[in-house]
């Protein structure tokens, strides 16, 4: 007879949200920001390493996902100074103006904009780690929409593919 294991300390849920990840003290993280793991920072729990906002293309090597919430204020009594991050599933991110996006097209972080904007990689430069893949909603596809043109205020659905600590989920 098989034994059923119960682990009360499990952190990841079936919806691919990982809760209680320590962040750098004083780090301003907003809901929807791309975040990475940094082993050089100290967190509120005294551990070596924590989450921070992606700041350079080199950070994408340890890209963990998208912040589910903003960083807490220490004055509110968050002893662990931690947040939840979305490691899988579909999120909405900002598009880059005048770029065309197609279904399942690989997209990258656009470091020339902000930490919530993606680019289709036409001018990839040093971009080697994708944020994820474009998902055009079924209702649009059924109405003949096969591409979406980026512009200010236009968001698009992206199927996340975090890079760290594993290549894909």
Protein backbone atom coordinates (compact mmCIF):
# COMPACT_ATOMS: atom_id res chain seq x y z
CA UNK A 1 0.00 0.00 0.00
CA UNK A 2 1.39 3.40 -0.99
CA UNK A 3 2.18 5.96 1.69
CA UNK A 4 0.78 9.46 1.30
CA UNK A 5 3.24 12.17 2.29
CA UNK A 6 2.00 15.39 3.84
CA UNK A 7 4.33 18.38 3.86
CA UNK A 8 3.00 21.35 5.85
CA UNK A 9 5.91 23.50 4.72
CA UNK A 10 5.27 23.23 0.98
CA UNK A 11 5.36 26.69 -0.60
CA UNK A 12 4.51 26.34 -4.29
CA UNK A 13 0.89 25.95 -5.30
CA UNK A 14 -0.70 24.44 -8.38
CA UNK A 15 -1.25 27.89 -9.82
CA UNK A 16 2.54 28.39 -10.05
CA UNK A 17 2.68 31.11 -7.39
CA UNK A 18 5.55 30.81 -4.96
CA UNK A 19 4.89 32.61 -1.67
CA UNK A 20 7.23 33.85 1.04
CA UNK A 21 10.30 34.53 -1.09
CA UNK A 22 12.69 36.89 0.75
CA UNK A 23 13.49 40.20 -0.89
CA UNK A 24 16.32 42.68 -0.44
CA UNK A 25 15.79 45.15 2.39
CA UNK A 26 14.62 48.46 1.00
CA UNK A 27 14.02 46.97 -2.48
CA UNK A 28 11.04 48.60 -4.20
CA UNK A 29 9.19 45.90 -6.12
CA UNK A 30 5.84 46.64 -7.74
CA UNK A 31 3.13 44.16 -8.71
CA UNK A 32 3.93 42.92 -12.23
CA UNK A 33 7.70 43.61 -12.12
CA UNK A 34 10.08 41.03 -13.55
CA UNK A 35 12.20 39.74 -10.65
CA UNK A 36 15.43 37.78 -10.34
CA UNK A 37 17.40 36.02 -7.60
CA UNK A 38 20.52 37.77 -6.32
CA UNK A 39 22.94 35.87 -4.08
CA UNK A 40 24.88 39.03 -3.17
CA UNK A 41 22.12 40.74 -1.18
CA UNK A 42 20.99 40.34 2.40
CA UNK A 43 17.32 39.94 3.16
CA UNK A 44 15.18 40.60 6.21
CA UNK A 45 15.47 36.97 7.31
CA UNK A 46 19.27 37.25 7.35
CA UNK A 47 19.71 34.82 4.48
CA UNK A 48 22.23 35.27 1.71
CA UNK A 49 20.30 36.02 -1.39
CA UNK A 50 16.89 37.30 -2.27
CA UNK A 51 14.59 38.75 -4.89
CA UNK A 52 15.14 42.05 -6.59
CA UNK A 53 13.87 43.81 -9.68
CA UNK A 54 15.60 42.92 -12.95
CA UNK A 55 18.02 45.77 -13.70
CA UNK A 56 20.23 44.48 -16.54
CA UNK A 57 20.12 41.76 -19.21
CA UNK A 58 22.66 39.79 -17.17
CA UNK A 59 19.99 39.50 -14.41
CA UNK A 60 17.84 37.44 -16.77
CA UNK A 61 20.14 34.46 -16.17
CA UNK A 62 18.42 34.22 -12.76
CA UNK A 63 14.99 35.45 -13.88
CA UNK A 64 12.41 33.91 -11.50
CA UNK A 65 9.09 35.33 -12.69
CA UNK A 66 6.71 38.22 -12.09
CA UNK A 67 5.91 39.80 -8.72
CA UNK A 68 2.40 39.04 -7.49
CA UNK A 69 2.40 42.01 -5.11
CA UNK A 70 4.39 45.08 -4.17
CA UNK A 71 7.16 44.89 -1.61
CA UNK A 72 5.84 45.38 1.91
CA UNK A 73 6.69 48.32 4.10
CA UNK A 74 8.85 47.29 7.04
CA UNK A 75 6.82 49.65 9.24
CA UNK A 76 3.75 47.45 8.72
CA UNK A 77 5.41 44.66 10.66
CA UNK A 78 6.35 42.22 7.89
CA UNK A 79 8.99 40.32 9.82
CA UNK A 80 9.99 38.20 6.88
CA UNK A 81 9.96 40.97 4.27
CA UNK A 82 8.84 38.60 1.57
CA UNK A 83 6.47 38.49 -1.41
CA UNK A 84 4.82 36.02 -3.74
CA UNK A 85 5.94 35.60 -7.33
CA UNK A 86 4.24 34.03 -10.32
CA UNK A 87 6.52 31.45 -11.88
CA UNK A 88 4.17 30.06 -14.50
CA UNK A 89 0.94 30.71 -16.28
CA UNK A 90 -0.12 33.74 -18.27
CA UNK A 91 0.35 37.38 -17.29
CA UNK A 92 -0.19 40.68 -19.09
CA UNK A 93 2.90 42.76 -19.88
CA UNK A 94 3.41 46.04 -21.74
CA UNK A 95 4.32 45.99 -25.44
CA UNK A 96 7.01 47.98 -27.22
CA UNK A 97 5.61 50.58 -29.63
CA UNK A 98 5.46 49.61 -33.33
CA UNK A 99 6.49 45.99 -32.75
CA UNK A 100 4.33 43.16 -34.11
CA UNK A 101 3.57 40.16 -31.90
CA UNK A 102 2.40 36.74 -33.11
CA UNK A 103 1.07 33.66 -31.30
CA UNK A 104 3.80 31.69 -29.48
CA UNK A 105 6.47 34.20 -30.45
CA UNK A 106 9.33 34.29 -27.97
CA UNK A 107 9.61 37.66 -26.21
CA UNK A 108 12.32 39.27 -24.10
CA UNK A 109 12.58 41.96 -21.45
CA UNK A 110 12.95 45.43 -23.00
CA UNK A 111 15.61 47.03 -20.81
CA UNK A 112 15.22 50.37 -22.59
CA UNK A 113 11.68 50.76 -21.21
CA UNK A 114 10.79 49.39 -17.76
CA UNK A 115 10.60 46.11 -15.82
CA UNK A 116 7.12 45.32 -17.14
CA UNK A 117 7.75 45.82 -20.87
CA UNK A 118 8.64 43.13 -23.40
CA UNK A 119 10.09 43.21 -26.91
CA UNK A 120 9.65 40.73 -29.74
CA UNK A 121 13.41 40.40 -30.14
CA UNK A 122 13.68 41.98 -33.59
CA UNK A 123 16.76 43.77 -32.30
CA UNK A 124 17.84 41.22 -29.72
CA UNK A 125 21.34 42.52 -29.04
CA UNK A 126 22.39 40.87 -25.77
CA UNK A 127 18.98 39.35 -25.10
CA UNK A 128 19.29 35.60 -24.77
CA UNK A 129 16.81 34.67 -22.02
CA UNK A 130 13.13 34.92 -22.96
CA UNK A 131 10.47 36.15 -20.54
CA UNK A 132 8.00 33.80 -22.22
CA UNK A 133 5.78 33.35 -25.27
CA UNK A 134 2.94 35.44 -26.68
CA UNK A 135 -0.59 34.11 -26.21
CA UNK A 136 -3.29 35.77 -28.29
CA UNK A 137 -6.69 35.17 -26.67
CA UNK A 138 -8.88 32.60 -28.42
CA UNK A 139 -11.72 35.08 -28.96
CA UNK A 140 -9.39 37.32 -30.98
CA UNK A 141 -7.97 34.43 -33.00
CA UNK A 142 -11.49 33.23 -33.84
CA UNK A 143 -12.21 36.71 -35.20
CA UNK A 144 -9.16 36.58 -37.48
CA UNK A 145 -6.66 38.49 -35.33
CA UNK A 146 -3.28 36.79 -35.77
CA UNK A 147 -0.98 39.64 -34.77
CA UNK A 148 -1.03 42.47 -32.26
CA UNK A 149 0.84 45.72 -32.83
CA UNK A 150 2.52 47.19 -29.77
CA UNK A 151 1.84 50.76 -28.64
CA UNK A 152 1.73 52.84 -25.47
CA UNK A 153 -1.00 51.44 -23.22
CA UNK A 154 -1.26 48.14 -25.12
CA UNK A 155 -0.67 45.04 -23.00
CA UNK A 156 -0.35 41.50 -24.26
CA UNK A 157 -0.63 38.07 -22.69
CA UNK A 158 2.67 36.29 -22.07
CA UNK A 159 3.06 32.66 -21.04
CA UNK A 160 5.90 32.86 -18.52
CA UNK A 161 9.04 30.74 -18.80
CA UNK A 162 11.25 31.51 -15.79
CA UNK A 163 14.92 30.69 -16.14
CA UNK A 164 15.91 30.10 -12.52
CA UNK A 165 16.36 27.79 -10.68
CA UNK A 166 15.23 25.50 -13.52
CA UNK A 167 15.07 26.18 -17.23
CA UNK A 168 11.29 25.77 -17.61
CA UNK A 169 8.20 24.88 -15.66
